[in-house]
Amino acid sequence: MNTTTKINRARRRAWLPAACIGAALALAGLNATAQAWPAKPVKIVVSYPPGGTVDAVARVLAPRLSARLGQGVLIDTRAGAGGVIGGDVVAKSTADGYTLLLDASNHSQNPALRSKMPFDTLRDLAPVSLLVRVPNVLVANPATPFSSVKDLVVQAKAKPEHINYASSGNGSAQHLAAELFSAMAGVRMTHVAYKGGGPALTDVMAGQVPVFFGSLASSLPYIESGKLRAIAVTGKARAPVLPQIPTVAESPGLAGYEVYEWNGVFAPAGTPAPVIDRLSKELAAVVREPEVRARLEAMGAEVIGSTPAELDTFRRSEIAKWTQVAKSNKIELD
C-alpha cells in the first residue's frame, strides 16, 4: 500500500464520523422545527369570496385545527382572478408554516388555462392535504322553464348563445363545468363571470342569470329552501344529500360527464417537511372528527384527508385533465 492510499483511507475514516454527526444534527434541527412549530397563530389564505364552498370549509376547519395546534387559526380572504391572487400571496410568503393556502379546483385549472401566471403552481406551492371533494349541481332560478337537462339543451339548441349561465369567475370550476357540458351537449350558451360563487348564486336567485353549475355545498341550502331548482349533479353517482336529482351523465348524449370541485391545503415551497407532515396529519384528523365529518357531508362533500404525496399525485392528474379540456374546447384566459 503506497503512502497516498494510506492518506486517502485515513481521510475517509475521519470524514465518516463527521458526516454522521452532520446528518444527526440536521435531523435534530428538523425535529426541533417540528416541535417548536407552531409558536404563533397560523394564517389560512382563502382565495375566494365569502359565501362559497372554500369559505364554508375554512370556517368549519379553523376552530378545530386551532384546538389541535394550540394556536389561533386566522382566515385571510384574498379573492380574485380565479384564485390566482390568493395563490400568489402564499407562493411568495415565508416558508415557515405560518401562512397556508386553502385552494379549490382552480389550483389545477389555472395552469391549464393561463400561460402567464405570477407563480408556478407545482414549483412554488407544496401540497399538504386534499380535504374534500364536492360535485357541482346544475341549478336554475325557479321562474325559468328548466326542470331537466333535456329542457336546457332543447332551449339552448333552439336559441344559440341566448341562454346565460353564471360562474364564479373566468376559468373557475363552474366555468369549465359549463363549457364541458356545452361541448358534450352540442350547445352554445353565454358565460357571465362573477367574482366568486356567492355573488353568482345571489344573481341566479334574483333572476339576473337563469342557470349556474354551482358547488353543491354552497347551493344546497337554497335548493332546500326553494330559492333554487336543482336540475342535475355533476358527479359520477347521485349525491346522497339529493338522491332524487339525476346526474348530468344520465341525460342522453352526456354519458361520461363528470366534474368535481375539491378543496386542499398548500404551503409555500420550502416549508420544512416535519411541519408539512404534522399539518397533513392534523388536517386529516380534523376532517374525520365525527362532528366535522357530519357538517361537511351535510354540505354534500366527500371527506378525504390525504397525505401530501397523495395530493401531489391528484393535482398533477387534474392539471393534465383540464389541460386536455382547455385545448379541446379552445379555452384560454390570457
C-alpha atoms as a PDB file:
ATOM      1  CA  MET A   1       0.000   0.000   0.000  1.00  0.00           C
ATOM      2  CA  ASN A   2       1.536   3.313  -1.022  1.00  0.00           C
ATOM      3  CA  THR A   3       1.603   6.475   1.054  1.00  0.00           C
ATOM      4  CA  THR A   4      -1.161   8.181  -0.981  1.00  0.00           C
ATOM      5  CA  THR A   5      -3.587   5.284  -0.453  1.00  0.00           C
ATOM      6  CA  LYS A   6      -2.927   5.302   3.293  1.00  0.00           C
ATOM      7  CA  ILE A   7      -3.612   9.039   3.454  1.00  0.00           C
ATOM      8  CA  ASN A   8      -6.906   8.716   1.476  1.00  0.00           C
ATOM      9  CA  ARG A   9      -8.112   5.903   3.745  1.00  0.00           C
ATOM     10  CA  ALA A  10      -7.283   7.938   6.794  1.00  0.00           C
ATOM     11  CA  ARG A  11      -9.200  10.881   5.380  1.00  0.00           C
ATOM     12  CA  ARG A  12     -12.244   8.693   4.699  1.00  0.00           C
ATOM     13  CA  ARG A  13     -12.163   7.319   8.258  1.00  0.00           C
ATOM     14  CA  ALA A  14     -12.016  10.870   9.579  1.00  0.00           C
ATOM     15  CA  TRP A  15     -14.803  12.044   7.244  1.00  0.00           C
ATOM     16  CA  LEU A  16     -17.352   9.335   8.090  1.00  0.00           C
ATOM     17  CA  PRO A  17     -17.845  10.302  11.773  1.00  0.00           C
ATOM     18  CA  ALA A  18     -18.094  13.963  10.768  1.00  0.00           C
ATOM     19  CA  ALA A  19     -20.721  13.130   8.138  1.00  0.00           C
ATOM     20  CA  CYS A  20     -22.714  11.099  10.651  1.00  0.00           C
ATOM     21  CA  ILE A  21     -22.568  13.924  13.149  1.00  0.00           C
ATOM     22  CA  GLY A  22     -23.695  16.370  10.444  1.00  0.00           C
ATOM     23  CA  ALA A  23     -26.655  14.167   9.490  1.00  0.00           C
ATOM     24  CA  ALA A  24     -27.630  13.756  13.137  1.00  0.00           C
ATOM     25  CA  LEU A  25     -27.503  17.495  13.693  1.00  0.00           C
ATOM     26  CA  ALA A  26     -29.634  18.120  10.585  1.00  0.00           C
ATOM     27  CA  LEU A  27     -32.208  15.581  11.779  1.00  0.00           C
ATOM     28  CA  ALA A  28     -32.196  17.133  15.221  1.00  0.00           C
ATOM     29  CA  GLY A  29     -32.754  20.519  13.631  1.00  0.00           C
ATOM     30  CA  LEU A  30     -35.770  19.200  11.700  1.00  0.00           C
ATOM     31  CA  ASN A  31     -37.205  17.612  14.817  1.00  0.00           C
ATOM     32  CA  ALA A  32     -36.712  20.850  16.726  1.00  0.00           C
ATOM     33  CA  THR A  33     -38.529  22.719  13.970  1.00  0.00           C
ATOM     34  CA  ALA A  34     -41.484  20.356  14.176  1.00  0.00           C
ATOM     35  CA  GLN A  35     -41.611  20.532  17.972  1.00  0.00           C
ATOM     36  CA  ALA A  36     -41.317  24.340  18.085  1.00  0.00           C
ATOM     37  CA  TRP A  37     -43.996  24.872  15.448  1.00  0.00           C
ATOM     38  CA  PRO A  38     -46.458  26.494  15.875  1.00  0.00           C
ATOM     39  CA  ALA A  39     -45.252  29.207  18.231  1.00  0.00           C
ATOM     40  CA  LYS A  40     -47.748  31.783  16.990  1.00  0.00           C
ATOM     41  CA  PRO A  41     -51.119  31.932  15.126  1.00  0.00           C
ATOM     42  CA  VAL A  42     -51.370  30.270  11.719  1.00  0.00           C
ATOM     43  CA  LYS A  43     -52.989  32.127   8.824  1.00  0.00           C
ATOM     44  CA  ILE A  44     -55.055  30.350   6.185  1.00  0.00           C
ATOM     45  CA  VAL A  45     -55.433  32.367   2.984  1.00  0.00           C
ATOM     46  CA  VAL A  46     -58.807  31.710   1.327  1.00  0.00           C
ATOM     47  CA  SER A  47     -58.597  32.746  -2.298  1.00  0.00           C
ATOM     48  CA  TYR A  48     -62.354  33.064  -2.907  1.00  0.00           C
ATOM     49  CA  PRO A  49     -65.043  35.403  -1.508  1.00  0.00           C
ATOM     50  CA  PRO A  50     -67.315  34.668   1.470  1.00  0.00           C
ATOM     51  CA  GLY A  51     -70.400  32.633   0.658  1.00  0.00           C
ATOM     52  CA  GLY A  52     -68.739  29.947  -1.433  1.00  0.00           C
ATOM     53  CA  THR A  53     -67.613  26.410  -0.656  1.00  0.00           C
ATOM     54  CA  VAL A  54     -63.999  27.253   0.196  1.00  0.00           C
ATOM     55  CA  ASP A  55     -65.090  29.872   2.713  1.00  0.00           C
ATOM     56  CA  ALA A  56     -67.585  27.440   4.265  1.00  0.00           C
ATOM     57  CA  VAL A  57     -64.975  24.683   4.585  1.00  0.00           C
ATOM     58  CA  ALA A  58     -62.466  27.127   6.082  1.00  0.00           C
ATOM     59  CA  ARG A  59     -64.910  28.199   8.779  1.00  0.00           C
ATOM     60  CA  VAL A  60     -65.668  24.579   9.713  1.00  0.00           C
ATOM     61  CA  LEU A  61     -61.969  23.741   9.724  1.00  0.00           C
ATOM     62  CA  ALA A  62     -60.354  26.698  11.514  1.00  0.00           C
ATOM     63  CA  PRO A  63     -61.631  26.289  15.104  1.00  0.00           C
ATOM     64  CA  ARG A  64     -60.912  22.555  15.227  1.00  0.00           C
ATOM     65  CA  LEU A  65     -57.442  22.946  13.722  1.00  0.00           C
ATOM     66  CA  SER A  66     -56.774  25.711  16.239  1.00  0.00           C
ATOM     67  CA  ALA A  67     -57.700  23.370  19.088  1.00  0.00           C
ATOM     68  CA  ARG A  68     -55.316  20.710  17.810  1.00  0.00           C
ATOM     69  CA  LEU A  69     -52.408  23.089  17.240  1.00  0.00           C
ATOM     70  CA  GLY A  70     -52.856  25.067  20.432  1.00  0.00           C
ATOM     71  CA  GLN A  71     -52.651  28.316  18.456  1.00  0.00           C
ATOM     72  CA  GLY A  72     -55.130  30.594  16.744  1.00  0.00           C
ATOM     73  CA  VAL A  73     -56.008  29.850  13.125  1.00  0.00           C
ATOM     74  CA  LEU A  74     -56.933  33.010  11.233  1.00  0.00           C
ATOM     75  CA  ILE A  75     -58.812  33.208   7.924  1.00  0.00           C
ATOM     76  CA  ASP A  76     -57.461  35.788   5.470  1.00  0.00           C
ATOM     77  CA  THR A  77     -59.697  36.266   2.416  1.00  0.00           C
ATOM     78  CA  ARG A  78     -57.757  37.232  -0.730  1.00  0.00           C
ATOM     79  CA  ALA A  79     -60.286  36.761  -3.510  1.00  0.00           C
ATOM     80  CA  GLY A  80     -59.892  37.476  -7.201  1.00  0.00           C
ATOM     81  CA  ALA A  81     -58.577  36.208 -10.546  1.00  0.00           C
ATOM     82  CA  GLY A  82     -59.964  32.714 -10.046  1.00  0.00           C
ATOM     83  CA  GLY A  83     -57.776  32.030  -7.033  1.00  0.00           C
ATOM     84  CA  VAL A  84     -54.575  33.446  -8.538  1.00  0.00           C
ATOM     85  CA  ILE A  85     -54.367  36.405  -6.134  1.00  0.00           C
ATOM     86  CA  GLY A  86     -54.544  34.245  -3.023  1.00  0.00           C
ATOM     87  CA  GLY A  87     -52.217  31.664  -4.506  1.00  0.00           C
ATOM     88  CA  ASP A  88     -49.654  34.344  -5.307  1.00  0.00           C
ATOM     89  CA  VAL A  89     -49.778  35.696  -1.749  1.00  0.00           C
ATOM     90  CA  VAL A  90     -48.951  32.270  -0.312  1.00  0.00           C
ATOM     91  CA  ALA A  91     -46.427  31.304  -3.001  1.00  0.00           C
ATOM     92  CA  LYS A  92     -44.401  34.410  -2.078  1.00  0.00           C
ATOM     93  CA  SER A  93     -44.808  34.098   1.694  1.00  0.00           C
ATOM     94  CA  THR A  94     -42.116  32.935   4.102  1.00  0.00           C
ATOM     95  CA  ALA A  95     -41.915  29.134   4.079  1.00  0.00           C
ATOM     96  CA  ASP A  96     -42.277  28.697   7.834  1.00  0.00           C
ATOM     97  CA  GLY A  97     -45.687  27.010   8.173  1.00  0.00           C
ATOM     98  CA  TYR A  98     -47.498  30.149   9.364  1.00  0.00           C
ATOM     99  CA  THR A  99     -49.106  31.049   6.028  1.00  0.00           C
ATOM    100  CA  LEU A 100     -51.173  28.390   4.264  1.00  0.00           C
ATOM    101  CA  LEU A 101     -53.463  28.326   1.227  1.00  0.00           C
ATOM    102  CA  LEU A 102     -56.897  26.735   1.210  1.00  0.00           C
ATOM    103  CA  ASP A 103     -57.456  26.349  -2.509  1.00  0.00           C
ATOM    104  CA  ALA A 104     -60.010  24.779  -4.800  1.00  0.00           C
ATOM    105  CA  SER A 105     -60.190  23.227  -8.254  1.00  0.00           C
ATOM    106  CA  ASN A 106     -58.761  26.389  -9.819  1.00  0.00           C
ATOM    107  CA  HIS A 107     -55.412  25.276  -8.406  1.00  0.00           C
ATOM    108  CA  SER A 108     -55.271  22.647 -11.161  1.00  0.00           C
ATOM    109  CA  GLN A 109     -57.281  24.553 -13.762  1.00  0.00           C
ATOM    110  CA  ASN A 110     -55.348  27.823 -13.848  1.00  0.00           C
ATOM    111  CA  PRO A 111     -52.139  26.199 -15.142  1.00  0.00           C
ATOM    112  CA  ALA A 112     -54.228  24.645 -17.928  1.00  0.00           C
ATOM    113  CA  LEU A 113     -55.832  27.958 -18.905  1.00  0.00           C
ATOM    114  CA  ARG A 114     -53.242  30.639 -18.193  1.00  0.00           C
ATOM    115  CA  SER A 115     -49.847  30.819 -19.866  1.00  0.00           C
ATOM    116  CA  LYS A 116     -48.956  33.861 -17.758  1.00  0.00           C
ATOM    117  CA  MET A 117     -49.174  33.411 -14.003  1.00  0.00           C
ATOM    118  CA  PRO A 118     -47.249  35.245 -11.258  1.00  0.00           C
ATOM    119  CA  PHE A 119     -46.142  31.926  -9.754  1.00  0.00           C
ATOM    120  CA  ASP A 120     -45.546  28.332 -10.797  1.00  0.00           C
ATOM    121  CA  THR A 121     -48.199  26.113  -9.233  1.00  0.00           C
ATOM    122  CA  LEU A 122     -46.125  22.939  -8.989  1.00  0.00           C
ATOM    123  CA  ARG A 123     -42.832  24.620  -8.144  1.00  0.00           C
ATOM    124  CA  ASP A 124     -43.986  27.277  -5.667  1.00  0.00           C
ATOM    125  CA  LEU A 125     -46.754  25.583  -3.669  1.00  0.00           C
ATOM    126  CA  ALA A 126     -46.159  22.439  -1.617  1.00  0.00           C
ATOM    127  CA  PRO A 127     -49.112  20.046  -1.162  1.00  0.00           C
ATOM    128  CA  VAL A 128     -50.298  19.385   2.386  1.00  0.00           C
ATOM    129  CA  SER A 129     -53.685  17.608   2.287  1.00  0.00           C
ATOM    130  CA  LEU A 130     -56.669  17.100  -0.001  1.00  0.00           C
ATOM    131  CA  LEU A 131     -59.589  17.716   2.350  1.00  0.00           C
ATOM    132  CA  VAL A 132     -62.841  17.169   0.460  1.00  0.00           C
ATOM    133  CA  ARG A 133     -64.313  16.574  -2.972  1.00  0.00           C
ATOM    134  CA  VAL A 134     -67.721  18.030  -3.914  1.00  0.00           C
ATOM    135  CA  PRO A 135     -69.778  17.619  -7.095  1.00  0.00           C
ATOM    136  CA  ASN A 136     -71.285  20.619  -8.791  1.00  0.00           C
ATOM    137  CA  VAL A 137     -75.021  20.910  -9.221  1.00  0.00           C
ATOM    138  CA  LEU A 138     -76.766  22.464 -12.198  1.00  0.00           C
ATOM    139  CA  VAL A 139     -79.303  24.854 -10.692  1.00  0.00           C
ATOM    140  CA  ALA A 140     -81.856  27.203 -12.199  1.00  0.00           C
ATOM    141  CA  ASN A 141     -83.958  30.073 -10.972  1.00  0.00           C
ATOM    142  CA  PRO A 142     -87.397  28.567 -10.155  1.00  0.00           C
ATOM    143  CA  ALA A 143     -89.066  31.052 -12.518  1.00  0.00           C
ATOM    144  CA  THR A 144     -87.266  29.563 -15.546  1.00  0.00           C
ATOM    145  CA  PRO A 145     -88.800  26.767 -17.648  1.00  0.00           C
ATOM    146  CA  PHE A 146     -85.828  24.483 -16.976  1.00  0.00           C
ATOM    147  CA  SER A 147     -86.705  21.393 -14.945  1.00  0.00           C
ATOM    148  CA  SER A 148     -84.322  18.922 -16.587  1.00  0.00           C
ATOM    149  CA  VAL A 149     -81.102  18.782 -18.562  1.00  0.00           C
ATOM    150  CA  LYS A 150     -83.195  17.996 -21.640  1.00  0.00           C
ATOM    151  CA  ASP A 151     -85.185  21.232 -21.175  1.00  0.00           C
ATOM    152  CA  LEU A 152     -81.983  23.266 -21.070  1.00  0.00           C
ATOM    153  CA  VAL A 153     -80.415  21.512 -24.053  1.00  0.00           C
ATOM    154  CA  VAL A 154     -83.550  21.915 -26.192  1.00  0.00           C
ATOM    155  CA  GLN A 155     -83.798  25.634 -25.415  1.00  0.00           C
ATOM    156  CA  ALA A 156     -80.054  26.194 -25.892  1.00  0.00           C
ATOM    157  CA  LYS A 157     -80.110  24.480 -29.286  1.00  0.00           C
ATOM    158  CA  ALA A 158     -83.159  26.475 -30.374  1.00  0.00           C
ATOM    159  CA  LYS A 159     -81.523  29.784 -29.385  1.00  0.00           C
ATOM    160  CA  PRO A 160     -77.717  29.551 -29.540  1.00  0.00           C
ATOM    161  CA  GLU A 161     -75.948  31.924 -27.123  1.00  0.00           C
ATOM    162  CA  HIS A 162     -79.314  33.239 -25.904  1.00  0.00           C
ATOM    163  CA  ILE A 163     -79.169  31.473 -22.527  1.00  0.00           C
ATOM    164  CA  ASN A 164     -76.757  32.965 -19.994  1.00  0.00           C
ATOM    165  CA  TYR A 165     -75.000  30.906 -17.352  1.00  0.00           C
ATOM    166  CA  ALA A 166     -73.218  32.214 -14.259  1.00  0.00           C
ATOM    167  CA  SER A 167     -69.834  31.140 -12.957  1.00  0.00           C
ATOM    168  CA  SER A 168     -67.600  32.138 -10.062  1.00  0.00           C
ATOM    169  CA  GLY A 169     -65.061  33.581 -12.499  1.00  0.00           C
ATOM    170  CA  ASN A 170     -63.227  33.048 -15.756  1.00  0.00           C
ATOM    171  CA  GLY A 171     -61.540  29.660 -15.658  1.00  0.00           C
ATOM    172  CA  SER A 172     -63.349  28.631 -12.496  1.00  0.00           C
ATOM    173  CA  ALA A 173     -64.587  25.104 -11.855  1.00  0.00           C
ATOM    174  CA  GLN A 174     -68.117  26.273 -12.664  1.00  0.00           C
ATOM    175  CA  HIS A 175     -66.984  27.861 -15.915  1.00  0.00           C
ATOM    176  CA  LEU A 176     -65.233  24.698 -17.064  1.00  0.00           C
ATOM    177  CA  ALA A 177     -68.131  22.520 -15.926  1.00  0.00           C
ATOM    178  CA  ALA A 178     -70.471  24.552 -18.140  1.00  0.00           C
ATOM    179  CA  GLU A 179     -68.069  24.597 -21.095  1.00  0.00           C
ATOM    180  CA  LEU A 180     -67.588  20.842 -20.917  1.00  0.00           C
ATOM    181  CA  PHE A 181     -71.379  20.458 -20.705  1.00  0.00           C
ATOM    182  CA  SER A 182     -71.888  22.708 -23.737  1.00  0.00           C
ATOM    183  CA  ALA A 183     -69.283  20.844 -25.774  1.00  0.00           C
ATOM    184  CA  MET A 184     -70.729  17.424 -24.964  1.00  0.00           C
ATOM    185  CA  ALA A 185     -74.343  18.555 -25.464  1.00  0.00           C
ATOM    186  CA  GLY A 186     -73.567  20.435 -28.668  1.00  0.00           C
ATOM    187  CA  VAL A 187     -74.958  23.772 -27.480  1.00  0.00           C
ATOM    188  CA  ARG A 188     -73.683  27.346 -27.120  1.00  0.00           C
ATOM    189  CA  MET A 189     -74.523  29.433 -24.052  1.00  0.00           C
ATOM    190  CA  THR A 190     -73.214  32.813 -22.911  1.00  0.00           C
ATOM    191  CA  HIS A 191     -70.837  32.984 -19.959  1.00  0.00           C
ATOM    192  CA  VAL A 192     -71.417  35.576 -17.212  1.00  0.00           C
ATOM    193  CA  ALA A 193     -68.417  35.608 -14.848  1.00  0.00           C
ATOM    194  CA  TYR A 194     -68.647  36.712 -11.206  1.00  0.00           C
ATOM    195  CA  LYS A 195     -66.002  37.212  -8.538  1.00  0.00           C
ATOM    196  CA  GLY A 196     -66.886  34.077  -6.621  1.00  0.00           C
ATOM    197  CA  GLY A 197     -69.644  31.531  -6.127  1.00  0.00           C
ATOM    198  CA  GLY A 198     -71.502  33.643  -3.563  1.00  0.00           C
ATOM    199  CA  PRO A 199     -72.219  36.590  -5.904  1.00  0.00           C
ATOM    200  CA  ALA A 200     -73.129  34.176  -8.708  1.00  0.00           C
ATOM    201  CA  LEU A 201     -75.659  32.382  -6.510  1.00  0.00           C
ATOM    202  CA  THR A 202     -77.169  35.695  -5.430  1.00  0.00           C
ATOM    203  CA  ASP A 203     -77.816  36.793  -9.009  1.00  0.00           C
ATOM    204  CA  VAL A 204     -79.255  33.432 -10.065  1.00  0.00           C
ATOM    205  CA  MET A 205     -81.687  33.574  -7.148  1.00  0.00           C
ATOM    206  CA  ALA A 206     -82.539  37.176  -8.107  1.00  0.00           C
ATOM    207  CA  GLY A 207     -83.299  36.118 -11.674  1.00  0.00           C
ATOM    208  CA  GLN A 208     -80.439  38.067 -13.250  1.00  0.00           C
ATOM    209  CA  VAL A 209     -78.949  34.872 -14.728  1.00  0.00           C
ATOM    210  CA  PRO A 210     -81.052  31.730 -15.276  1.00  0.00           C
ATOM    211  CA  VAL A 211     -78.621  28.843 -14.633  1.00  0.00           C
ATOM    212  CA  PHE A 212     -75.412  28.025 -12.777  1.00  0.00           C
ATOM    213  CA  PHE A 213     -73.176  24.990 -12.278  1.00  0.00           C
ATOM    214  CA  GLY A 214     -72.755  25.788  -8.595  1.00  0.00           C
ATOM    215  CA  SER A 215     -70.958  23.913  -5.893  1.00  0.00           C
ATOM    216  CA  LEU A 216     -73.328  21.502  -4.205  1.00  0.00           C
ATOM    217  CA  ALA A 217     -72.032  22.625  -0.804  1.00  0.00           C
ATOM    218  CA  SER A 218     -72.950  26.279  -1.258  1.00  0.00           C
ATOM    219  CA  SER A 219     -76.088  25.678  -3.366  1.00  0.00           C
ATOM    220  CA  LEU A 220     -77.743  23.076  -1.137  1.00  0.00           C
ATOM    221  CA  PRO A 221     -79.329  25.447   1.438  1.00  0.00           C
ATOM    222  CA  TYR A 222     -81.007  27.416  -1.342  1.00  0.00           C
ATOM    223  CA  ILE A 223     -82.194  24.258  -3.071  1.00  0.00           C
ATOM    224  CA  GLU A 224     -83.732  23.061   0.185  1.00  0.00           C
ATOM    225  CA  SER A 225     -85.416  26.442   0.773  1.00  0.00           C
ATOM    226  CA  GLY A 226     -86.866  26.516  -2.758  1.00  0.00           C
ATOM    227  CA  LYS A 227     -84.862  29.554  -3.878  1.00  0.00           C
ATOM    228  CA  LEU A 228     -83.064  27.413  -6.468  1.00  0.00           C
ATOM    229  CA  ARG A 229     -84.220  24.455  -8.546  1.00  0.00           C
ATOM    230  CA  ALA A 230     -81.749  21.547  -8.756  1.00  0.00           C
ATOM    231  CA  ILE A 231     -81.639  20.028 -12.240  1.00  0.00           C
ATOM    232  CA  ALA A 232     -78.687  17.607 -12.139  1.00  0.00           C
ATOM    233  CA  VAL A 233     -75.488  16.848 -10.230  1.00  0.00           C
ATOM    234  CA  THR A 234     -72.116  16.524 -11.952  1.00  0.00           C
ATOM    235  CA  GLY A 235     -70.671  13.573 -10.048  1.00  0.00           C
ATOM    236  CA  LYS A 236     -70.348  10.010 -11.242  1.00  0.00           C
ATOM    237  CA  ALA A 237     -73.222   8.975  -8.965  1.00  0.00           C
ATOM    238  CA  ARG A 238     -76.198  10.762  -7.460  1.00  0.00           C
ATOM    239  CA  ALA A 239     -75.435  12.817  -4.377  1.00  0.00           C
ATOM    240  CA  PRO A 240     -76.568  11.257  -1.074  1.00  0.00           C
ATOM    241  CA  VAL A 241     -77.980  14.638   0.027  1.00  0.00           C
ATOM    242  CA  LEU A 242     -80.056  14.910  -3.197  1.00  0.00           C
ATOM    243  CA  PRO A 243     -80.847  11.306  -4.142  1.00  0.00           C
ATOM    244  CA  GLN A 244     -83.861  12.313  -6.235  1.00  0.00           C
ATOM    245  CA  ILE A 245     -81.777  14.526  -8.544  1.00  0.00           C
ATOM    246  CA  PRO A 246     -80.209  12.723 -11.538  1.00  0.00           C
ATOM    247  CA  THR A 247     -76.623  13.099 -12.675  1.00  0.00           C
ATOM    248  CA  VAL A 248     -75.820  15.028 -15.838  1.00  0.00           C
ATOM    249  CA  ALA A 249     -74.413  11.773 -17.223  1.00  0.00           C
ATOM    250  CA  GLU A 250     -77.862  10.156 -17.034  1.00  0.00           C
ATOM    251  CA  SER A 251     -79.101  12.502 -19.771  1.00  0.00           C
ATOM    252  CA  PRO A 252     -78.928  11.410 -23.441  1.00  0.00           C
ATOM    253  CA  GLY A 253     -75.652  12.363 -25.124  1.00  0.00           C
ATOM    254  CA  LEU A 254     -73.874  13.203 -21.873  1.00  0.00           C
ATOM    255  CA  ALA A 255     -72.655   9.793 -20.706  1.00  0.00           C
ATOM    256  CA  GLY A 256     -69.270  10.106 -19.041  1.00  0.00           C
ATOM    257  CA  TYR A 257     -69.765  13.697 -17.928  1.00  0.00           C
ATOM    258  CA  GLU A 258     -68.111  14.004 -14.513  1.00  0.00           C
ATOM    259  CA  VAL A 259     -66.891  17.129 -12.718  1.00  0.00           C
ATOM    260  CA  TYR A 260     -65.998  17.746  -9.074  1.00  0.00           C
ATOM    261  CA  GLU A 261     -64.767  20.687  -7.101  1.00  0.00           C
ATOM    262  CA  TRP A 262     -62.222  19.981  -4.406  1.00  0.00           C
ATOM    263  CA  ASN A 263     -60.549  21.792  -1.541  1.00  0.00           C
ATOM    264  CA  GLY A 264     -56.952  21.261  -0.480  1.00  0.00           C
ATOM    265  CA  VAL A 265     -54.332  22.930   1.683  1.00  0.00           C
ATOM    266  CA  PHE A 266     -50.951  24.057   0.364  1.00  0.00           C
ATOM    267  CA  ALA A 267     -47.892  25.747   1.864  1.00  0.00           C
ATOM    268  CA  PRO A 268     -45.102  27.804   0.302  1.00  0.00           C
ATOM    269  CA  ALA A 269     -42.467  25.569  -1.284  1.00  0.00           C
ATOM    270  CA  GLY A 270     -39.580  25.053   1.073  1.00  0.00           C
ATOM    271  CA  THR A 271     -41.723  24.760   4.190  1.00  0.00           C
ATOM    272  CA  PRO A 272     -39.930  22.263   6.498  1.00  0.00           C
ATOM    273  CA  ALA A 273     -41.066  18.693   5.867  1.00  0.00           C
ATOM    274  CA  PRO A 274     -41.796  17.998   9.556  1.00  0.00           C
ATOM    275  CA  VAL A 275     -44.176  20.990   9.623  1.00  0.00           C
ATOM    276  CA  ILE A 276     -45.958  19.855   6.461  1.00  0.00           C
ATOM    277  CA  ASP A 277     -46.236  16.305   7.800  1.00  0.00           C
ATOM    278  CA  ARG A 278     -47.727  17.468  11.064  1.00  0.00           C
ATOM    279  CA  LEU A 279     -50.130  19.809   9.295  1.00  0.00           C
ATOM    280  CA  SER A 280     -51.240  16.998   6.989  1.00  0.00           C
ATOM    281  CA  LYS A 281     -51.909  14.638   9.900  1.00  0.00           C
ATOM    282  CA  GLU A 282     -53.769  17.289  11.914  1.00  0.00           C
ATOM    283  CA  LEU A 283     -55.912  18.341   8.943  1.00  0.00           C
ATOM    284  CA  ALA A 284     -56.788  14.727   8.138  1.00  0.00           C
ATOM    285  CA  ALA A 285     -57.731  14.175  11.772  1.00  0.00           C
ATOM    286  CA  VAL A 286     -59.889  17.326  11.803  1.00  0.00           C
ATOM    287  CA  VAL A 287     -61.982  16.419   8.734  1.00  0.00           C
ATOM    288  CA  ARG A 288     -62.510  12.927  10.156  1.00  0.00           C
ATOM    289  CA  GLU A 289     -63.779  14.137  13.516  1.00  0.00           C
ATOM    290  CA  PRO A 290     -67.413  12.907  13.698  1.00  0.00           C
ATOM    291  CA  GLU A 291     -68.883  16.388  14.124  1.00  0.00           C
ATOM    292  CA  VAL A 292     -66.771  17.929  11.358  1.00  0.00           C
ATOM    293  CA  ARG A 293     -67.392  14.996   9.003  1.00  0.00           C
ATOM    294  CA  ALA A 294     -71.127  15.286   9.588  1.00  0.00           C
ATOM    295  CA  ARG A 295     -71.096  19.014   8.803  1.00  0.00           C
ATOM    296  CA  LEU A 296     -69.054  18.520   5.641  1.00  0.00           C
ATOM    297  CA  GLU A 297     -71.170  15.619   4.421  1.00  0.00           C
ATOM    298  CA  ALA A 298     -74.300  17.661   5.093  1.00  0.00           C
ATOM    299  CA  MET A 299     -72.917  20.145   2.558  1.00  0.00           C
ATOM    300  CA  GLY A 300     -72.603  17.347   0.001  1.00  0.00           C
ATOM    301  CA  ALA A 301     -68.844  16.896   0.454  1.00  0.00           C
ATOM    302  CA  GLU A 302     -66.914  13.643   0.327  1.00  0.00           C
ATOM    303  CA  VAL A 303     -64.363  13.694   3.154  1.00  0.00           C
ATOM    304  CA  ILE A 304     -60.824  12.630   2.165  1.00  0.00           C
ATOM    305  CA  GLY A 305     -57.929  13.984   4.282  1.00  0.00           C
ATOM    306  CA  SER A 306     -54.966  12.856   2.161  1.00  0.00           C
ATOM    307  CA  THR A 307     -51.197  12.778   2.603  1.00  0.00           C
ATOM    308  CA  PRO A 308     -49.012  15.383   0.845  1.00  0.00           C
ATOM    309  CA  ALA A 309     -47.899  12.778  -1.711  1.00  0.00           C
ATOM    310  CA  GLU A 310     -51.485  11.800  -2.498  1.00  0.00           C
ATOM    311  CA  LEU A 311     -52.469  15.433  -3.031  1.00  0.00           C
ATOM    312  CA  ASP A 312     -49.479  15.966  -5.305  1.00  0.00           C
ATOM    313  CA  THR A 313     -50.425  12.973  -7.457  1.00  0.00           C
ATOM    314  CA  PHE A 314     -54.040  14.129  -7.554  1.00  0.00           C
ATOM    315  CA  ARG A 315     -53.295  17.730  -8.545  1.00  0.00           C
ATOM    316  CA  ARG A 316     -50.937  16.621 -11.321  1.00  0.00           C
ATOM    317  CA  SER A 317     -53.627  14.346 -12.787  1.00  0.00           C
ATOM    318  CA  GLU A 318     -56.185  17.174 -12.563  1.00  0.00           C
ATOM    319  CA  ILE A 319     -53.838  19.599 -14.347  1.00  0.00           C
ATOM    320  CA  ALA A 320     -53.415  17.048 -17.148  1.00  0.00           C
ATOM    321  CA  LYS A 321     -57.184  16.518 -17.381  1.00  0.00           C
ATOM    322  CA  TRP A 322     -58.092  20.203 -17.592  1.00  0.00           C
ATOM    323  CA  THR A 323     -55.244  20.955 -19.982  1.00  0.00           C
ATOM    324  CA  GLN A 324     -56.830  18.493 -22.381  1.00  0.00           C
ATOM    325  CA  VAL A 325     -60.301  20.002 -21.866  1.00  0.00           C
ATOM    326  CA  ALA A 326     -58.954  23.533 -22.422  1.00  0.00           C
ATOM    327  CA  LYS A 327     -57.166  22.550 -25.609  1.00  0.00           C
ATOM    328  CA  SER A 328     -60.100  20.585 -26.996  1.00  0.00           C
ATOM    329  CA  ASN A 329     -62.539  23.432 -26.336  1.00  0.00           C
ATOM    330  CA  LYS A 330     -60.077  26.263 -27.072  1.00  0.00           C
ATOM    331  CA  ILE A 331     -60.497  27.882 -23.650  1.00  0.00           C
ATOM    332  CA  GLU A 332     -57.835  30.435 -22.752  1.00  0.00           C
ATOM    333  CA  LEU A 333     -57.702  33.186 -20.141  1.00  0.00           C
ATOM    334  CA  ASP A 334     -54.641  35.199 -21.252  1.00  0.00           C
END
